[in-house]
Protein backbone atom coordinates (compact mmCIF):
# COMPACT_ATOMS: atom_id res chain seq x y z
CA MET A 1 113.50 100.30 92.46
CA PHE A 2 111.35 98.25 90.65
CA GLN A 3 107.89 99.91 89.30
CA GLY A 4 105.90 100.06 86.32
CA ALA A 5 104.29 97.21 84.55
CA ALA A 6 105.29 95.79 81.01
CA ALA A 7 103.69 93.80 78.35
CA LEU A 8 105.83 91.06 77.43
CA ASN A 9 105.96 87.97 75.59
CA LEU A 10 107.44 84.44 76.58
CA ASP A 11 109.49 82.63 73.68
CA VAL A 12 108.76 79.23 73.39
CA LYS A 13 111.26 78.14 75.36
CA GLY A 14 109.53 80.20 78.42
CA ARG A 15 112.43 82.86 78.29
CA LEU A 16 111.44 86.57 79.37
CA GLY A 17 112.99 89.29 77.64
CA VAL A 18 113.66 91.62 80.63
CA PRO A 19 113.41 95.17 79.71
CA THR A 20 116.11 97.55 79.85
CA ARG A 21 115.15 99.34 82.50
CA PHE A 22 114.75 96.62 84.50
CA ARG A 23 117.61 94.57 83.49
CA ASP A 24 120.19 97.26 84.42
CA GLU A 25 118.99 97.93 87.49
CA LEU A 26 119.22 93.86 88.33
CA MET A 27 122.36 93.51 87.08
CA ALA A 28 123.85 96.16 89.05
CA ALA A 29 121.61 95.00 92.14
CA CYS A 30 122.46 90.84 92.09
CA GLY A 31 124.36 90.16 88.87
CA GLY A 32 121.41 89.02 87.27
CA GLN A 33 121.27 85.81 89.95
CA VAL A 34 117.29 86.18 90.86
CA VAL A 35 115.05 83.57 92.75
CA ILE A 36 111.76 82.80 91.46
CA THR A 37 108.83 81.37 93.41
CA VAL A 38 105.32 81.44 93.59
CA HIS A 39 102.74 83.82 95.30
CA PRO A 40 99.40 82.74 96.67
CA HIS A 41 97.87 85.13 94.24
CA ARG A 42 98.82 82.87 91.58
CA CYS A 43 101.25 84.75 90.20
CA LEU A 44 105.23 84.46 90.38
CA LEU A 45 107.39 86.52 92.39
CA ILE A 46 110.97 87.42 90.95
CA TYR A 47 113.47 88.40 93.68
CA PRO A 48 117.36 89.71 93.09
CA GLU A 49 119.38 87.04 95.31
CA PRO A 50 120.19 89.73 98.24
CA VAL A 51 116.81 90.48 99.00
CA TRP A 52 115.33 86.85 98.50
CA GLY A 53 117.49 85.77 101.54
CA PRO A 54 115.95 87.58 104.35
CA ILE A 55 112.38 86.67 102.93
CA ARG A 56 113.23 82.73 102.95
CA ASP A 57 114.43 83.09 106.43
CA GLU A 58 111.48 84.54 107.93
CA VAL A 59 109.32 81.95 106.05
CA LEU A 60 111.63 79.60 107.22
CA ALA A 61 111.50 80.45 110.88
CA ARG A 62 107.52 80.36 111.08
CA GLY A 63 106.18 76.76 112.73
CA SER A 64 105.94 74.21 110.25
CA MET A 65 103.80 72.33 112.69
CA ASP A 66 100.72 75.16 111.97
CA ASP A 67 98.53 73.92 109.02
CA ALA A 68 98.84 77.56 107.51
CA SER A 69 102.14 77.83 107.77
CA ALA A 70 103.48 74.71 106.76
CA LYS A 71 101.13 75.52 103.65
CA VAL A 72 103.11 78.97 102.90
CA ARG A 73 106.40 77.67 103.10
CA ARG A 74 105.45 74.95 100.89
CA LEU A 75 104.12 77.13 98.25
CA ILE A 76 107.05 80.00 98.56
CA VAL A 77 110.10 78.02 99.72
CA GLY A 78 109.22 74.66 97.97
CA ASN A 79 108.63 76.49 94.89
CA ALA A 80 111.45 78.58 95.02
CA SER A 81 114.08 78.47 91.61
CA PRO A 82 117.09 80.33 91.17
CA GLU A 83 118.17 81.43 88.01
CA THR A 84 119.94 84.01 86.15
CA LEU A 85 119.38 86.48 83.15
CA ASP A 86 121.38 85.19 80.27
CA SER A 87 123.62 87.28 77.92
CA ALA A 88 120.57 88.42 76.18
CA GLY A 89 119.00 89.82 79.23
CA ARG A 90 116.64 87.15 79.08
CA LEU A 91 115.27 85.19 81.93
CA LEU A 92 114.10 81.26 81.82
CA ILE A 93 111.00 80.80 83.57
CA PRO A 94 110.83 77.02 84.44
CA PRO A 95 108.10 74.84 83.09
CA GLU A 96 106.50 73.92 86.77
CA LEU A 97 106.31 77.55 87.51
CA ARG A 98 104.62 78.85 84.21
CA ALA A 99 101.99 76.30 85.11
CA ARG A 100 101.21 76.99 88.62
CA ALA A 101 100.63 80.58 87.87
CA HIS A 102 99.06 79.70 84.26
CA LEU A 103 101.45 81.71 82.32
CA GLU A 104 101.06 81.61 78.34
CA LYS A 105 102.57 83.50 75.92
CA LYS A 106 101.61 86.96 76.63
CA VAL A 107 102.61 88.12 80.13
CA TRP A 108 102.83 91.46 82.76
CA LEU A 109 106.17 92.02 84.64
CA VAL A 110 105.16 94.74 87.50
CA GLY A 111 107.37 96.17 89.45
CA GLN A 112 106.80 95.78 93.03
CA GLY A 113 109.74 98.10 94.96
CA ASP A 114 112.55 96.00 95.61
CA GLN A 115 111.14 92.68 93.70
CA PHE A 116 108.72 91.84 90.43
CA GLU A 117 104.98 90.18 90.25
CA LEU A 118 105.11 88.18 86.95
CA TRP A 119 100.99 87.73 85.74
CA SER A 120 99.69 85.75 82.73
CA ASP A 121 97.25 88.26 80.86
CA VAL A 122 94.01 86.92 82.24
CA GLY A 123 95.47 87.52 85.70
CA TRP A 124 97.01 90.45 85.61
CA GLU A 125 93.60 92.22 83.70
CA ARG A 126 91.53 90.35 86.61
CA GLN A 127 93.59 92.11 89.33
CA GLN A 128 93.40 95.37 87.76
CA GLU A 129 89.63 95.31 87.79
CA ASP A 130 89.47 93.92 91.40
CA SER A 131 91.34 97.06 92.36
CA PHE A 132 89.27 99.47 90.36
CA ALA A 133 85.97 97.70 91.97
CA MET A 134 87.97 97.74 95.57
CA ASP A 135 85.25 99.23 98.20
CA LEU A 136 87.84 101.93 99.33
CA SER A 137 85.97 102.23 102.75
CA GLN A 138 87.44 98.95 103.74
CA LEU A 139 91.40 100.13 103.26
CA PRO A 140 93.66 99.02 106.09
CA PRO A 141 94.46 101.30 108.29
CA GLU A 142 97.91 101.97 107.57
CA LEU A 143 96.56 102.85 103.92
CA GLU A 144 93.71 105.39 104.74
CA LYS A 145 96.11 108.70 105.24
CA LEU A 146 97.49 108.32 102.14
CA ARG A 147 98.01 110.85 99.94
CA LEU A 148 97.61 110.36 96.02
């Protein structure tokens, strides 16, 4: 299970050095084979390959004649890029995906259970501020009884 956020730097070739705590788990889960795609919130999603397959299939099962479903298919499946951690534990983030998420040098790798989000520094800070400013009276019903 991936959890926690790590501030990292992309190198000049757009590679992300995956922290050891995540790298070991990724290697065990998928041999370093991942799929990177775009999220509508302008971050990237990084899935271990076995986790990606069912998500891709679920997205593709939605009708393509509906405009919203077609847009989601194009965004998520159309931007999906299979990648592999190299021997130094780095992951190449393709240039077109870096552009879509506005990634520059400093990025945030955020564990989300069975996947990661990859945020630009500015995007992650904005998400954090939005979360702190959230109206807790408007929580979805499934979170109303969450005990923290």
